[in-house]
PDB file of N, CA and C in Angstrom:
ATOM      1  N   MET A   1     107.842  72.133  91.657  1.00  0.00           N
ATOM      2  CA  MET A   1     108.359  73.011  90.644  1.00  0.00           C
ATOM      3  C   MET A   1     109.765  72.552  90.321  1.00  0.00           C
ATOM      4  N   ARG A   2     110.059  72.508  89.048  1.00  0.00           N
ATOM      5  CA  ARG A   2     111.399  72.134  88.605  1.00  0.00           C
ATOM      6  C   ARG A   2     112.004  73.317  87.862  1.00  0.00           C
ATOM      7  N   LEU A   3     113.212  73.687  88.258  1.00  0.00           N
ATOM      8  CA  LEU A   3     113.951  74.758  87.603  1.00  0.00           C
ATOM      9  C   LEU A   3     115.192  74.176  86.965  1.00  0.00           C
ATOM     10  N   THR A   4     115.407  74.511  85.714  1.00  0.00           N
ATOM     11  CA  THR A   4     116.609  74.080  85.011  1.00  0.00           C
ATOM     12  C   THR A   4     117.396  75.325  84.630  1.00  0.00           C
ATOM     13  N   PHE A   5     118.638  75.367  85.051  1.00  0.00           N
ATOM     14  CA  PHE A   5     119.494  76.516  84.795  1.00  0.00           C
ATOM     15  C   PHE A   5     120.220  76.347  83.467  1.00  0.00           C
ATOM     16  N   ALA A   6     120.766  77.436  82.945  1.00  0.00           N
ATOM     17  CA  ALA A   6     121.403  77.449  81.629  1.00  0.00           C
ATOM     18  C   ALA A   6     122.509  76.411  81.492  1.00  0.00           C
ATOM     19  N   ASP A   7     123.206  76.121  82.572  1.00  0.00           N
ATOM     20  CA  ASP A   7     124.306  75.151  82.502  1.00  0.00           C
ATOM     21  C   ASP A   7     123.822  73.709  82.607  1.00  0.00           C
ATOM     22  N   GLY A   8     122.498  73.510  82.720  1.00  0.00           N
ATOM     23  CA  GLY A   8     121.937  72.164  82.786  1.00  0.00           C
ATOM     24  C   GLY A   8     121.626  71.681  84.191  1.00  0.00           C
ATOM     25  N   ASP A   9     122.152  72.362  85.210  1.00  0.00           N
ATOM     26  CA  ASP A   9     121.810  71.991  86.585  1.00  0.00           C
ATOM     27  C   ASP A   9     120.329  72.243  86.809  1.00  0.00           C
ATOM     28  N   ASP A  10     119.722  71.390  87.623  1.00  0.00           N
ATOM     29  CA  ASP A  10     118.312  71.618  87.921  1.00  0.00           C
ATOM     30  C   ASP A  10     118.011  71.304  89.373  1.00  0.00           C
ATOM     31  N   ILE A  11     116.915  71.902  89.854  1.00  0.00           N
ATOM     32  CA  ILE A  11     116.434  71.649  91.206  1.00  0.00           C
ATOM     33  C   ILE A  11     114.934  71.403  91.135  1.00  0.00           C
ATOM     34  N   GLU A  12     114.421  70.703  92.113  1.00  0.00           N
ATOM     35  CA  GLU A  12     112.993  70.461  92.212  1.00  0.00           C
ATOM     36  C   GLU A  12     112.552  70.801  93.628  1.00  0.00           C
ATOM     37  N   LEU A  13     111.502  71.604  93.728  1.00  0.00           N
ATOM     38  CA  LEU A  13     110.979  72.031  95.021  1.00  0.00           C
ATOM     39  C   LEU A  13     109.471  71.817  95.056  1.00  0.00           C
ATOM     40  N   LYS A  14     108.999  71.279  96.144  1.00  0.00           N
ATOM     41  CA  LYS A  14     107.568  71.052  96.317  1.00  0.00           C
ATOM     42  C   LYS A  14     106.881  72.359  96.711  1.00  0.00           C
ATOM     43  N   ALA A  15     105.624  72.484  96.318  1.00  0.00           N
ATOM     44  CA  ALA A  15     104.858  73.698  96.576  1.00  0.00           C
ATOM     45  C   ALA A  15     104.784  74.008  98.065  1.00  0.00           C
ATOM     46  N   ASN A  16     104.587  72.990  98.888  1.00  0.00           N
ATOM     47  CA  ASN A  16     104.485  73.256 100.331  1.00  0.00           C
ATOM     48  C   ASN A  16     105.796  73.794 100.892  1.00  0.00           C
ATOM     49  N   ARG A  17     106.915  73.326 100.407  1.00  0.00           N
ATOM     50  CA  ARG A  17     108.222  73.824 100.856  1.00  0.00           C
ATOM     51  C   ARG A  17     108.383  75.302 100.493  1.00  0.00           C
ATOM     52  N   LEU A  18     107.965  75.654  99.284  1.00  0.00           N
ATOM     53  CA  LEU A  18     108.058  77.040  98.838  1.00  0.00           C
ATOM     54  C   LEU A  18     107.146  77.948  99.656  1.00  0.00           C
ATOM     55  N   ARG A  19     105.921  77.502  99.901  1.00  0.00           N
ATOM     56  CA  ARG A  19     104.962  78.317 100.659  1.00  0.00           C
ATOM     57  C   ARG A  19     105.426  78.507 102.102  1.00  0.00           C
ATOM     58  N   GLU A  20     105.956  77.453 102.704  1.00  0.00           N
ATOM     59  CA  GLU A  20     106.452  77.523 104.078  1.00  0.00           C
ATOM     60  C   GLU A  20     107.651  78.459 104.200  1.00  0.00           C
ATOM     61  N   ALA A  21     108.399  78.638 103.115  1.00  0.00           N
ATOM     62  CA  ALA A  21     109.625  79.440 103.146  1.00  0.00           C
ATOM     63  C   ALA A  21     109.412  80.897 102.763  1.00  0.00           C
ATOM     64  N   CYS A  22     108.179  81.293 102.479  1.00  0.00           N
ATOM     65  CA  CYS A  22     107.916  82.661 102.030  1.00  0.00           C
ATOM     66  C   CYS A  22     108.462  83.676 103.038  1.00  0.00           C
ATOM     67  N   LYS A  23     109.157  84.674 102.528  1.00  0.00           N
ATOM     68  CA  LYS A  23     109.776  85.706 103.371  1.00  0.00           C
ATOM     69  C   LYS A  23     109.114  87.076 103.208  1.00  0.00           C
ATOM     70  N   CYS A  24     107.917  87.123 102.635  1.00  0.00           N
ATOM     71  CA  CYS A  24     107.251  88.413 102.463  1.00  0.00           C
ATOM     72  C   CYS A  24     106.918  89.014 103.831  1.00  0.00           C
ATOM     73  N   ALA A  25     106.574  90.294 103.849  1.00  0.00           N
ATOM     74  CA  ALA A  25     106.276  90.977 105.109  1.00  0.00           C
ATOM     75  C   ALA A  25     105.089  90.338 105.827  1.00  0.00           C
ATOM     76  N   HIS A  26     104.078  89.949 105.090  1.00  0.00           N
ATOM     77  CA  HIS A  26     102.889  89.325 105.687  1.00  0.00           C
ATOM     78  C   HIS A  26     103.258  88.023 106.408  1.00  0.00           C
ATOM     79  N   CYS A  27     104.021  87.165 105.752  1.00  0.00           N
ATOM     80  CA  CYS A  27     104.413  85.885 106.360  1.00  0.00           C
ATOM     81  C   CYS A  27     105.399  86.083 107.501  1.00  0.00           C
ATOM     82  N   THR A  28     106.311  87.034 107.353  1.00  0.00           N
ATOM     83  CA  THR A  28     107.255  87.329 108.429  1.00  0.00           C
ATOM     84  C   THR A  28     106.511  87.803 109.672  1.00  0.00           C
ATOM     85  N   ARG A  29     105.527  88.695 109.493  1.00  0.00           N
ATOM     86  CA  ARG A  29     104.726  89.173 110.627  1.00  0.00           C
ATOM     87  C   ARG A  29     103.937  88.031 111.260  1.00  0.00           C
ATOM     88  N   ALA A  30     103.377  87.154 110.433  1.00  0.00           N
ATOM     89  CA  ALA A  30     102.622  86.011 110.956  1.00  0.00           C
ATOM     90  C   ALA A  30     103.523  85.099 111.785  1.00  0.00           C
ATOM     91  N   ARG A  31     104.780  84.930 111.373  1.00  0.00           N
ATOM     92  CA  ARG A  31     105.723  84.122 112.158  1.00  0.00           C
ATOM     93  C   ARG A  31     106.004  84.796 113.506  1.00  0.00           C
ATOM     94  N   ILE A  32     106.239  86.098 113.490  1.00  0.00           N
ATOM     95  CA  ILE A  32     106.508  86.836 114.721  1.00  0.00           C
ATOM     96  C   ILE A  32     105.330  86.732 115.679  1.00  0.00           C
ATOM     97  N   ASP A  33     104.116  86.826 115.130  1.00  0.00           N
ATOM     98  CA  ASP A  33     102.903  86.769 115.946  1.00  0.00           C
ATOM     99  C   ASP A  33     102.501  85.350 116.336  1.00  0.00           C
ATOM    100  N   GLY A  34     103.224  84.365 115.814  1.00  0.00           N
ATOM    101  CA  GLY A  34     102.933  82.972 116.143  1.00  0.00           C
ATOM    102  C   GLY A  34     101.681  82.417 115.486  1.00  0.00           C
ATOM    103  N   VAL A  35     101.272  83.012 114.373  1.00  0.00           N
ATOM    104  CA  VAL A  35     100.060  82.543 113.695  1.00  0.00           C
ATOM    105  C   VAL A  35     100.334  81.989 112.295  1.00  0.00           C
ATOM    106  N   PHE A  36     101.592  81.816 111.948  1.00  0.00           N
ATOM    107  CA  PHE A  36     101.935  81.259 110.637  1.00  0.00           C
ATOM    108  C   PHE A  36     101.709  79.747 110.686  1.00  0.00           C
ATOM    109  N   PRO A  37     100.964  79.200 109.722  1.00  0.00           N
ATOM    110  CA  PRO A  37     100.723  77.751 109.733  1.00  0.00           C
ATOM    111  C   PRO A  37     102.034  76.963 109.696  1.00  0.00           C
ATOM    112  N   GLU A  38     102.046  75.835 110.384  1.00  0.00           N
ATOM    113  CA  GLU A  38     103.253  74.997 110.403  1.00  0.00           C
ATOM    114  C   GLU A  38     103.448  74.225 109.110  1.00  0.00           C
ATOM    115  N   GLN A  39     102.364  73.979 108.397  1.00  0.00           N
ATOM    116  CA  GLN A  39     102.479  73.239 107.140  1.00  0.00           C
ATOM    117  C   GLN A  39     101.358  73.631 106.185  1.00  0.00           C
ATOM    118  N   PHE A  40     101.608  73.344 104.931  1.00  0.00           N
ATOM    119  CA  PHE A  40     100.664  73.636 103.854  1.00  0.00           C
ATOM    120  C   PHE A  40     100.520  72.366 103.015  1.00  0.00           C
ATOM    121  N   ASP A  41      99.821  71.387 103.548  1.00  0.00           N
ATOM    122  CA  ASP A  41      99.765  70.065 102.926  1.00  0.00           C
ATOM    123  C   ASP A  41      99.160  70.036 101.530  1.00  0.00           C
ATOM    124  N   ASP A  42      98.077  70.741 101.297  1.00  0.00           N
ATOM    125  CA  ASP A  42      97.369  70.640 100.023  1.00  0.00           C
ATOM    126  C   ASP A  42      97.613  71.817  99.092  1.00  0.00           C
ATOM    127  N   ILE A  43      98.650  72.572  99.337  1.00  0.00           N
ATOM    128  CA  ILE A  43      98.936  73.773  98.553  1.00  0.00           C
ATOM    129  C   ILE A  43      99.448  73.402  97.163  1.00  0.00           C
ATOM    130  N   LYS A  44      99.089  74.234  96.204  1.00  0.00           N
ATOM    131  CA  LYS A  44      99.557  74.049  94.826  1.00  0.00           C
ATOM    132  C   LYS A  44     100.045  75.391  94.292  1.00  0.00           C
ATOM    133  N   ILE A  45     100.914  75.322  93.307  1.00  0.00           N
ATOM    134  CA  ILE A  45     101.369  76.531  92.634  1.00  0.00           C
ATOM    135  C   ILE A  45     100.350  76.854  91.552  1.00  0.00           C
ATOM    136  N   GLY A  46      99.817  78.084  91.599  1.00  0.00           N
ATOM    137  CA  GLY A  46      98.857  78.507  90.586  1.00  0.00           C
ATOM    138  C   GLY A  46      99.559  79.069  89.367  1.00  0.00           C
ATOM    139  N   GLN A  47     100.488  79.966  89.596  1.00  0.00           N
ATOM    140  CA  GLN A  47     101.262  80.555  88.511  1.00  0.00           C
ATOM    141  C   GLN A  47     102.506  81.213  89.092  1.00  0.00           C
ATOM    142  N   PHE A  48     103.404  81.590  88.217  1.00  0.00           N
ATOM    143  CA  PHE A  48     104.573  82.336  88.647  1.00  0.00           C
ATOM    144  C   PHE A  48     104.891  83.379  87.593  1.00  0.00           C
ATOM    145  N   SER A  49     105.611  84.397  88.009  1.00  0.00           N
ATOM    146  CA  SER A  49     106.046  85.424  87.073  1.00  0.00           C
ATOM    147  C   SER A  49     107.481  85.815  87.416  1.00  0.00           C
ATOM    148  N   PHE A  50     108.205  86.186  86.390  1.00  0.00           N
ATOM    149  CA  PHE A  50     109.597  86.581  86.575  1.00  0.00           C
ATOM    150  C   PHE A  50     109.670  87.982  87.154  1.00  0.00           C
ATOM    151  N   MET A  51     110.602  88.178  88.064  1.00  0.00           N
ATOM    152  CA  MET A  51     110.872  89.475  88.670  1.00  0.00           C
ATOM    153  C   MET A  51     112.257  89.900  88.177  1.00  0.00           C
ATOM    154  N   GLY A  52     112.287  90.574  87.072  1.00  0.00           N
ATOM    155  CA  GLY A  52     113.570  90.919  86.465  1.00  0.00           C
ATOM    156  C   GLY A  52     114.316  89.633  86.137  1.00  0.00           C
ATOM    157  N   GLY A  53     115.602  89.641  86.271  1.00  0.00           N
ATOM    158  CA  GLY A  53     116.391  88.444  86.008  1.00  0.00           C
ATOM    159  C   GLY A  53     116.867  87.757  87.266  1.00  0.00           C
ATOM    160  N   TYR A  54     116.364  88.198  88.423  1.00  0.00           N
ATOM    161  CA  TYR A  54     116.937  87.708  89.675  1.00  0.00           C
ATOM    162  C   TYR A  54     116.017  86.830  90.507  1.00  0.00           C
ATOM    163  N   ALA A  55     114.719  86.774  90.168  1.00  0.00           N
ATOM    164  CA  ALA A  55     113.787  86.075  91.050  1.00  0.00           C
ATOM    165  C   ALA A  55     112.483  85.754  90.328  1.00  0.00           C
ATOM    166  N   ILE A  56     111.615  85.011  91.037  1.00  0.00           N
ATOM    167  CA  ILE A  56     110.251  84.787  90.574  1.00  0.00           C
ATOM    168  C   ILE A  56     109.286  85.088  91.710  1.00  0.00           C
ATOM    169  N   ASN A  57     108.080  85.421  91.328  1.00  0.00           N
ATOM    170  CA  ASN A  57     106.968  85.572  92.261  1.00  0.00           C
ATOM    171  C   ASN A  57     106.067  84.369  92.029  1.00  0.00           C
ATOM    172  N   ILE A  58     105.623  83.738  93.104  1.00  0.00           N
ATOM    173  CA  ILE A  58     104.788  82.543  92.989  1.00  0.00           C
ATOM    174  C   ILE A  58     103.423  82.822  93.596  1.00  0.00           C
ATOM    175  N   ALA A  59     102.379  82.476  92.848  1.00  0.00           N
ATOM    176  CA  ALA A  59     101.007  82.558  93.356  1.00  0.00           C
ATOM    177  C   ALA A  59     100.575  81.143  93.733  1.00  0.00           C
ATOM    178  N   PHE A  60     100.057  80.997  94.948  1.00  0.00           N
ATOM    179  CA  PHE A  60      99.663  79.692  95.467  1.00  0.00           C
ATOM    180  C   PHE A  60      98.142  79.533  95.497  1.00  0.00           C
ATOM    181  N   SER A  61      97.703  78.313  95.616  1.00  0.00           N
ATOM    182  CA  SER A  61      96.276  77.999  95.593  1.00  0.00           C
ATOM    183  C   SER A  61      95.512  78.556  96.792  1.00  0.00           C
ATOM    184  N   ASP A  62      96.206  78.982  97.843  1.00  0.00           N
ATOM    185  CA  ASP A  62      95.520  79.593  98.986  1.00  0.00           C
ATOM    186  C   ASP A  62      95.328  81.098  98.800  1.00  0.00           C
ATOM    187  N   GLY A  63      95.689  81.612  97.622  1.00  0.00           N
ATOM    188  CA  GLY A  63      95.529  83.023  97.321  1.00  0.00           C
ATOM    189  C   GLY A  63      96.750  83.870  97.632  1.00  0.00           C
ATOM    190  N   HIS A  64      97.742  83.295  98.249  1.00  0.00           N
ATOM    191  CA  HIS A  64      98.951  84.042  98.607  1.00  0.00           C
ATOM    192  C   HIS A  64      99.833  84.225  97.370  1.00  0.00           C
ATOM    193  N   ALA A  65     100.239  85.469  97.110  1.00  0.00           N
ATOM    194  CA  ALA A  65     101.089  85.750  95.945  1.00  0.00           C
ATOM    195  C   ALA A  65     102.001  86.940  96.220  1.00  0.00           C
ATOM    196  N   ARG A  66     102.506  87.038  97.431  1.00  0.00           N
ATOM    197  CA  ARG A  66     103.302  88.199  97.824  1.00  0.00           C
ATOM    198  C   ARG A  66     104.802  87.944  97.830  1.00  0.00           C
ATOM    199  N   GLY A  67     105.211  86.699  97.897  1.00  0.00           N
ATOM    200  CA  GLY A  67     106.626  86.398  98.070  1.00  0.00           C
ATOM    201  C   GLY A  67     107.444  86.515  96.803  1.00  0.00           C
ATOM    202  N   ILE A  68     108.657  87.015  96.956  1.00  0.00           N
ATOM    203  CA  ILE A  68     109.632  87.054  95.866  1.00  0.00           C
ATOM    204  C   ILE A  68     110.733  86.071  96.226  1.00  0.00           C
ATOM    205  N   TYR A  69     111.021  85.170  95.310  1.00  0.00           N
ATOM    206  CA  TYR A  69     111.969  84.087  95.547  1.00  0.00           C
ATOM    207  C   TYR A  69     113.184  84.249  94.627  1.00  0.00           C
ATOM    208  N   PRO A  70     114.272  84.855  95.119  1.00  0.00           N
ATOM    209  CA  PRO A  70     115.491  84.977  94.309  1.00  0.00           C
ATOM    210  C   PRO A  70     116.053  83.593  93.968  1.00  0.00           C
ATOM    211  N   TRP A  71     116.738  83.517  92.855  1.00  0.00           N
ATOM    212  CA  TRP A  71     117.293  82.226  92.403  1.00  0.00           C
ATOM    213  C   TRP A  71     118.159  81.582  93.483  1.00  0.00           C
ATOM    214  N   ALA A  72     119.056  82.363  94.092  1.00  0.00           N
ATOM    215  CA  ALA A  72     119.946  81.797  95.111  1.00  0.00           C
ATOM    216  C   ALA A  72     119.150  81.271  96.306  1.00  0.00           C
ATOM    217  N   PHE A  73     118.060  81.943  96.679  1.00  0.00           N
ATOM    218  CA  PHE A  73     117.213  81.482  97.771  1.00  0.00           C
ATOM    219  C   PHE A  73     116.571  80.143  97.412  1.00  0.00           C
ATOM    220  N   LEU A  74     116.101  80.018  96.166  1.00  0.00           N
ATOM    221  CA  LEU A  74     115.496  78.761  95.713  1.00  0.00           C
ATOM    222  C   LEU A  74     116.508  77.619  95.748  1.00  0.00           C
ATOM    223  N   VAL A  75     117.714  77.890  95.305  1.00  0.00           N
ATOM    224  CA  VAL A  75     118.760  76.866  95.363  1.00  0.00           C
ATOM    225  C   VAL A  75     119.025  76.488  96.811  1.00  0.00           C
ATOM    226  N   GLY A  76     119.039  77.466  97.701  1.00  0.00           N
ATOM    227  CA  GLY A  76     119.252  77.205  99.118  1.00  0.00           C
ATOM    228  C   GLY A  76     118.159  76.345  99.736  1.00  0.00           C
ATOM    229  N   LEU A  77     116.950  76.420  99.209  1.00  0.00           N
ATOM    230  CA  LEU A  77     115.852  75.590  99.703  1.00  0.00           C
ATOM    231  C   LEU A  77     115.970  74.142  99.249  1.00  0.00           C
ATOM    232  N   SER A  78     116.758  73.926  98.214  1.00  0.00           N
ATOM    233  CA  SER A  78     116.941  72.570  97.692  1.00  0.00           C
ATOM    234  C   SER A  78     118.194  71.955  98.307  1.00  0.00           C
ATOM    235  N   ASP A  79     118.414  70.713  97.989  1.00  0.00           N
ATOM    236  CA  ASP A  79     119.619  70.031  98.442  1.00  0.00           C
ATOM    237  C   ASP A  79     120.743  70.155  97.419  1.00  0.00           C
ATOM    238  N   ALA A  80     120.481  70.865  96.335  1.00  0.00           N
ATOM    239  CA  ALA A  80     121.462  70.975  95.251  1.00  0.00           C
ATOM    240  C   ALA A  80     122.636  71.835  95.665  1.00  0.00           C
ATOM    241  N   ARG A  81     123.751  71.580  95.077  1.00  0.00           N
ATOM    242  CA  ARG A  81     124.950  72.381  95.295  1.00  0.00           C
ATOM    243  C   ARG A  81     125.273  73.075  93.970  1.00  0.00           C
ATOM    244  N   ILE A  82     124.551  74.148  93.723  1.00  0.00           N
ATOM    245  CA  ILE A  82     124.678  74.883  92.469  1.00  0.00           C
ATOM    246  C   ILE A  82     125.244  76.255  92.774  1.00  0.00           C
ATOM    247  N   ASP A  83     126.181  76.701  91.967  1.00  0.00           N
ATOM    248  CA  ASP A  83     126.752  78.040  92.121  1.00  0.00           C
ATOM    249  C   ASP A  83     125.984  78.984  91.205  1.00  0.00           C
ATOM    250  N   ILE A  84     125.250  79.934  91.789  1.00  0.00           N
ATOM    251  CA  ILE A  84     124.470  80.895  91.015  1.00  0.00           C
ATOM    252  C   ILE A  84     125.340  82.083  90.687  1.00  0.00           C
ATOM    253  N   GLN A  85     125.473  82.376  89.411  1.00  0.00           N
ATOM    254  CA  GLN A  85     126.249  83.523  88.955  1.00  0.00           C
ATOM    255  C   GLN A  85     125.300  84.684  88.687  1.00  0.00           C
ATOM    256  N   ASP A  86     125.670  85.891  89.118  1.00  0.00           N
ATOM    257  CA  ASP A  86     124.847  87.083  88.862  1.00  0.00           C
ATOM    258  C   ASP A  86     124.992  87.523  87.436  1.00  0.00           C
TER     259      ASP A  86
END
């Protein structure tokens, strides 16, 4: 996934990185219980939707669509050094 911000800065994140980083309650519980998969090699992004002006929700090819990914969190997952303004 490639995101381009209004000022022209952009980041690129692979689907597996996004899926592995999901912070929803289901994934958090799976991590606590030790049953969260270590990797998602063949995962793809099915679709995404905007959550107000602060985040996106991503639906993945494994059927998971619970995570909300704020812009600053997405930037943090990348190697980019972008300052996100509210």
